[in-house]
């Protein structure tokens, strides 16, 4: 009887330890996947703006991720800066930027 009680307690201890770790791994995987999707989108949009110059603008896209993605363009003398912002799976604001030189 004591062996059964110890084995059940050990089983539940292992389960209660591994489940939160597995949840965190799934969250990080989603964050990484979303970041890859958004960076690809930013790269494609920046290539379009390098061909046809655009004035500084802010656009919100609702169809890229499950949360809105904000795209901001700023221009300097010889560079276009494109930045995307979105809320990741942990509800933290994440921002990534790329630069391009207009043709």
C-alpha atoms as a PDB file:
ATOM      1  CA  UNK A   1       0.000   0.000   0.000  1.00  0.00           C
ATOM      2  CA  UNK A   2       2.822   2.407   0.863  1.00  0.00           C
ATOM      3  CA  UNK A   3       4.591   1.664  -2.429  1.00  0.00           C
ATOM      4  CA  UNK A   4       1.422   2.496  -4.366  1.00  0.00           C
ATOM      5  CA  UNK A   5       0.989   5.764  -2.496  1.00  0.00           C
ATOM      6  CA  UNK A   6       4.603   6.769  -3.144  1.00  0.00           C
ATOM      7  CA  UNK A   7       4.373   5.882  -6.837  1.00  0.00           C
ATOM      8  CA  UNK A   8       1.141   7.880  -7.274  1.00  0.00           C
ATOM      9  CA  UNK A   9       2.657  10.871  -5.481  1.00  0.00           C
ATOM     10  CA  UNK A  10       5.773  10.642  -7.650  1.00  0.00           C
ATOM     11  CA  UNK A  11       3.651  10.390 -10.816  1.00  0.00           C
ATOM     12  CA  UNK A  12       1.626  13.486  -9.957  1.00  0.00           C
ATOM     13  CA  UNK A  13       4.756  15.407  -8.986  1.00  0.00           C
ATOM     14  CA  UNK A  14       6.317  14.656 -12.358  1.00  0.00           C
ATOM     15  CA  UNK A  15       3.101  15.573 -14.197  1.00  0.00           C
ATOM     16  CA  UNK A  16       2.718  18.853 -12.322  1.00  0.00           C
ATOM     17  CA  UNK A  17       6.331  19.707 -13.152  1.00  0.00           C
ATOM     18  CA  UNK A  18       6.305  18.795 -16.832  1.00  0.00           C
ATOM     19  CA  UNK A  19       2.957  20.326 -17.829  1.00  0.00           C
ATOM     20  CA  UNK A  20       3.964  23.966 -17.151  1.00  0.00           C
ATOM     21  CA  UNK A  21       7.276  23.384 -18.928  1.00  0.00           C
ATOM     22  CA  UNK A  22       5.437  21.979 -21.945  1.00  0.00           C
ATOM     23  CA  UNK A  23       3.062  24.977 -21.940  1.00  0.00           C
ATOM     24  CA  UNK A  24       5.980  27.424 -21.908  1.00  0.00           C
ATOM     25  CA  UNK A  25       7.626  25.568 -24.796  1.00  0.00           C
ATOM     26  CA  UNK A  26       4.419  25.785 -26.842  1.00  0.00           C
ATOM     27  CA  UNK A  27       4.153  29.527 -26.127  1.00  0.00           C
ATOM     28  CA  UNK A  28       7.736  30.132 -27.205  1.00  0.00           C
ATOM     29  CA  UNK A  29       7.172  28.095 -30.357  1.00  0.00           C
ATOM     30  CA  UNK A  30       4.118  30.222 -31.234  1.00  0.00           C
ATOM     31  CA  UNK A  31       6.033  33.439 -30.569  1.00  0.00           C
ATOM     32  CA  UNK A  32       8.897  32.307 -32.806  1.00  0.00           C
ATOM     33  CA  UNK A  33       6.518  31.218 -35.555  1.00  0.00           C
ATOM     34  CA  UNK A  34       4.585  34.511 -35.414  1.00  0.00           C
ATOM     35  CA  UNK A  35       7.841  36.468 -35.538  1.00  0.00           C
ATOM     36  CA  UNK A  36       8.940  34.551 -38.634  1.00  0.00           C
ATOM     37  CA  UNK A  37       5.612  35.260 -40.369  1.00  0.00           C
ATOM     38  CA  UNK A  38       5.720  38.960 -39.506  1.00  0.00           C
ATOM     39  CA  UNK A  39       9.343  39.386 -40.577  1.00  0.00           C
ATOM     40  CA  UNK A  40       8.614  37.737 -43.933  1.00  0.00           C
ATOM     41  CA  UNK A  41       5.632  40.066 -44.375  1.00  0.00           C
ATOM     42  CA  UNK A  42       7.758  43.103 -43.476  1.00  0.00           C
ATOM     43  CA  UNK A  43      10.462  42.036 -45.897  1.00  0.00           C
ATOM     44  CA  UNK A  44       7.957  41.689 -48.751  1.00  0.00           C
ATOM     45  CA  UNK A  45       6.321  45.039 -48.007  1.00  0.00           C
ATOM     46  CA  UNK A  46       9.690  46.766 -47.733  1.00  0.00           C
ATOM     47  CA  UNK A  47      10.704  45.384 -51.141  1.00  0.00           C
ATOM     48  CA  UNK A  48       7.513  46.855 -52.613  1.00  0.00           C
ATOM     49  CA  UNK A  49       8.216  50.273 -51.115  1.00  0.00           C
ATOM     50  CA  UNK A  50      11.820  50.273 -52.319  1.00  0.00           C
ATOM     51  CA  UNK A  51      10.558  50.049 -55.915  1.00  0.00           C
ATOM     52  CA  UNK A  52       7.809  52.632 -55.570  1.00  0.00           C
ATOM     53  CA  UNK A  53       8.627  55.182 -52.876  1.00  0.00           C
ATOM     54  CA  UNK A  54       6.014  55.785 -50.216  1.00  0.00           C
ATOM     55  CA  UNK A  55       5.526  58.647 -47.816  1.00  0.00           C
ATOM     56  CA  UNK A  56       5.751  58.003 -44.099  1.00  0.00           C
ATOM     57  CA  UNK A  57       2.699  56.000 -43.191  1.00  0.00           C
ATOM     58  CA  UNK A  58       1.161  53.695 -40.579  1.00  0.00           C
ATOM     59  CA  UNK A  59      -0.997  50.767 -41.672  1.00  0.00           C
ATOM     60  CA  UNK A  60      -2.763  48.203 -39.475  1.00  0.00           C
ATOM     61  CA  UNK A  61      -3.253  44.679 -40.846  1.00  0.00           C
ATOM     62  CA  UNK A  62      -5.718  42.297 -39.184  1.00  0.00           C
ATOM     63  CA  UNK A  63      -5.262  39.292 -41.463  1.00  0.00           C
ATOM     64  CA  UNK A  64      -1.617  38.336 -40.844  1.00  0.00           C
ATOM     65  CA  UNK A  65      -1.812  37.036 -37.277  1.00  0.00           C
ATOM     66  CA  UNK A  66      -4.593  36.564 -34.766  1.00  0.00           C
ATOM     67  CA  UNK A  67      -3.676  39.996 -33.370  1.00  0.00           C
ATOM     68  CA  UNK A  68      -3.423  43.267 -35.330  1.00  0.00           C
ATOM     69  CA  UNK A  69      -0.029  44.010 -36.886  1.00  0.00           C
ATOM     70  CA  UNK A  70       0.978  47.663 -37.241  1.00  0.00           C
ATOM     71  CA  UNK A  71       3.368  48.560 -40.068  1.00  0.00           C
ATOM     72  CA  UNK A  72       5.148  51.938 -39.910  1.00  0.00           C
ATOM     73  CA  UNK A  73       7.305  53.462 -42.610  1.00  0.00           C
ATOM     74  CA  UNK A  74       9.756  56.249 -41.922  1.00  0.00           C
ATOM     75  CA  UNK A  75      12.169  57.697 -44.432  1.00  0.00           C
ATOM     76  CA  UNK A  76      15.531  59.349 -44.009  1.00  0.00           C
ATOM     77  CA  UNK A  77      17.725  60.905 -46.648  1.00  0.00           C
ATOM     78  CA  UNK A  78      18.644  57.612 -48.298  1.00  0.00           C
ATOM     79  CA  UNK A  79      16.932  54.819 -46.311  1.00  0.00           C
ATOM     80  CA  UNK A  80      13.429  53.535 -45.724  1.00  0.00           C
ATOM     81  CA  UNK A  81      12.782  52.094 -42.288  1.00  0.00           C
ATOM     82  CA  UNK A  82       9.917  49.642 -41.915  1.00  0.00           C
ATOM     83  CA  UNK A  83       8.835  48.566 -38.448  1.00  0.00           C
ATOM     84  CA  UNK A  84       6.139  46.108 -37.424  1.00  0.00           C
ATOM     85  CA  UNK A  85       4.550  45.927 -33.974  1.00  0.00           C
ATOM     86  CA  UNK A  86       2.224  43.300 -32.560  1.00  0.00           C
ATOM     87  CA  UNK A  87       1.230  41.640 -29.295  1.00  0.00           C
ATOM     88  CA  UNK A  88       2.798  38.206 -28.970  1.00  0.00           C
ATOM     89  CA  UNK A  89       1.314  35.119 -27.286  1.00  0.00           C
ATOM     90  CA  UNK A  90       2.478  36.397 -23.886  1.00  0.00           C
ATOM     91  CA  UNK A  91       0.643  39.702 -24.540  1.00  0.00           C
ATOM     92  CA  UNK A  92       3.903  41.654 -24.748  1.00  0.00           C
ATOM     93  CA  UNK A  93       4.360  44.324 -27.398  1.00  0.00           C
ATOM     94  CA  UNK A  94       6.983  43.168 -29.865  1.00  0.00           C
ATOM     95  CA  UNK A  95       8.598  45.416 -32.485  1.00  0.00           C
ATOM     96  CA  UNK A  96      10.970  44.493 -35.288  1.00  0.00           C
ATOM     97  CA  UNK A  97      12.473  46.786 -37.935  1.00  0.00           C
ATOM     98  CA  UNK A  98      14.170  46.414 -41.316  1.00  0.00           C
ATOM     99  CA  UNK A  99      15.907  48.995 -43.493  1.00  0.00           C
ATOM    100  CA  UNK A 100      15.963  49.323 -47.243  1.00  0.00           C
ATOM    101  CA  UNK A 101      17.513  51.640 -49.796  1.00  0.00           C
ATOM    102  CA  UNK A 102      15.108  52.982 -52.430  1.00  0.00           C
ATOM    103  CA  UNK A 103      15.939  52.207 -56.042  1.00  0.00           C
END
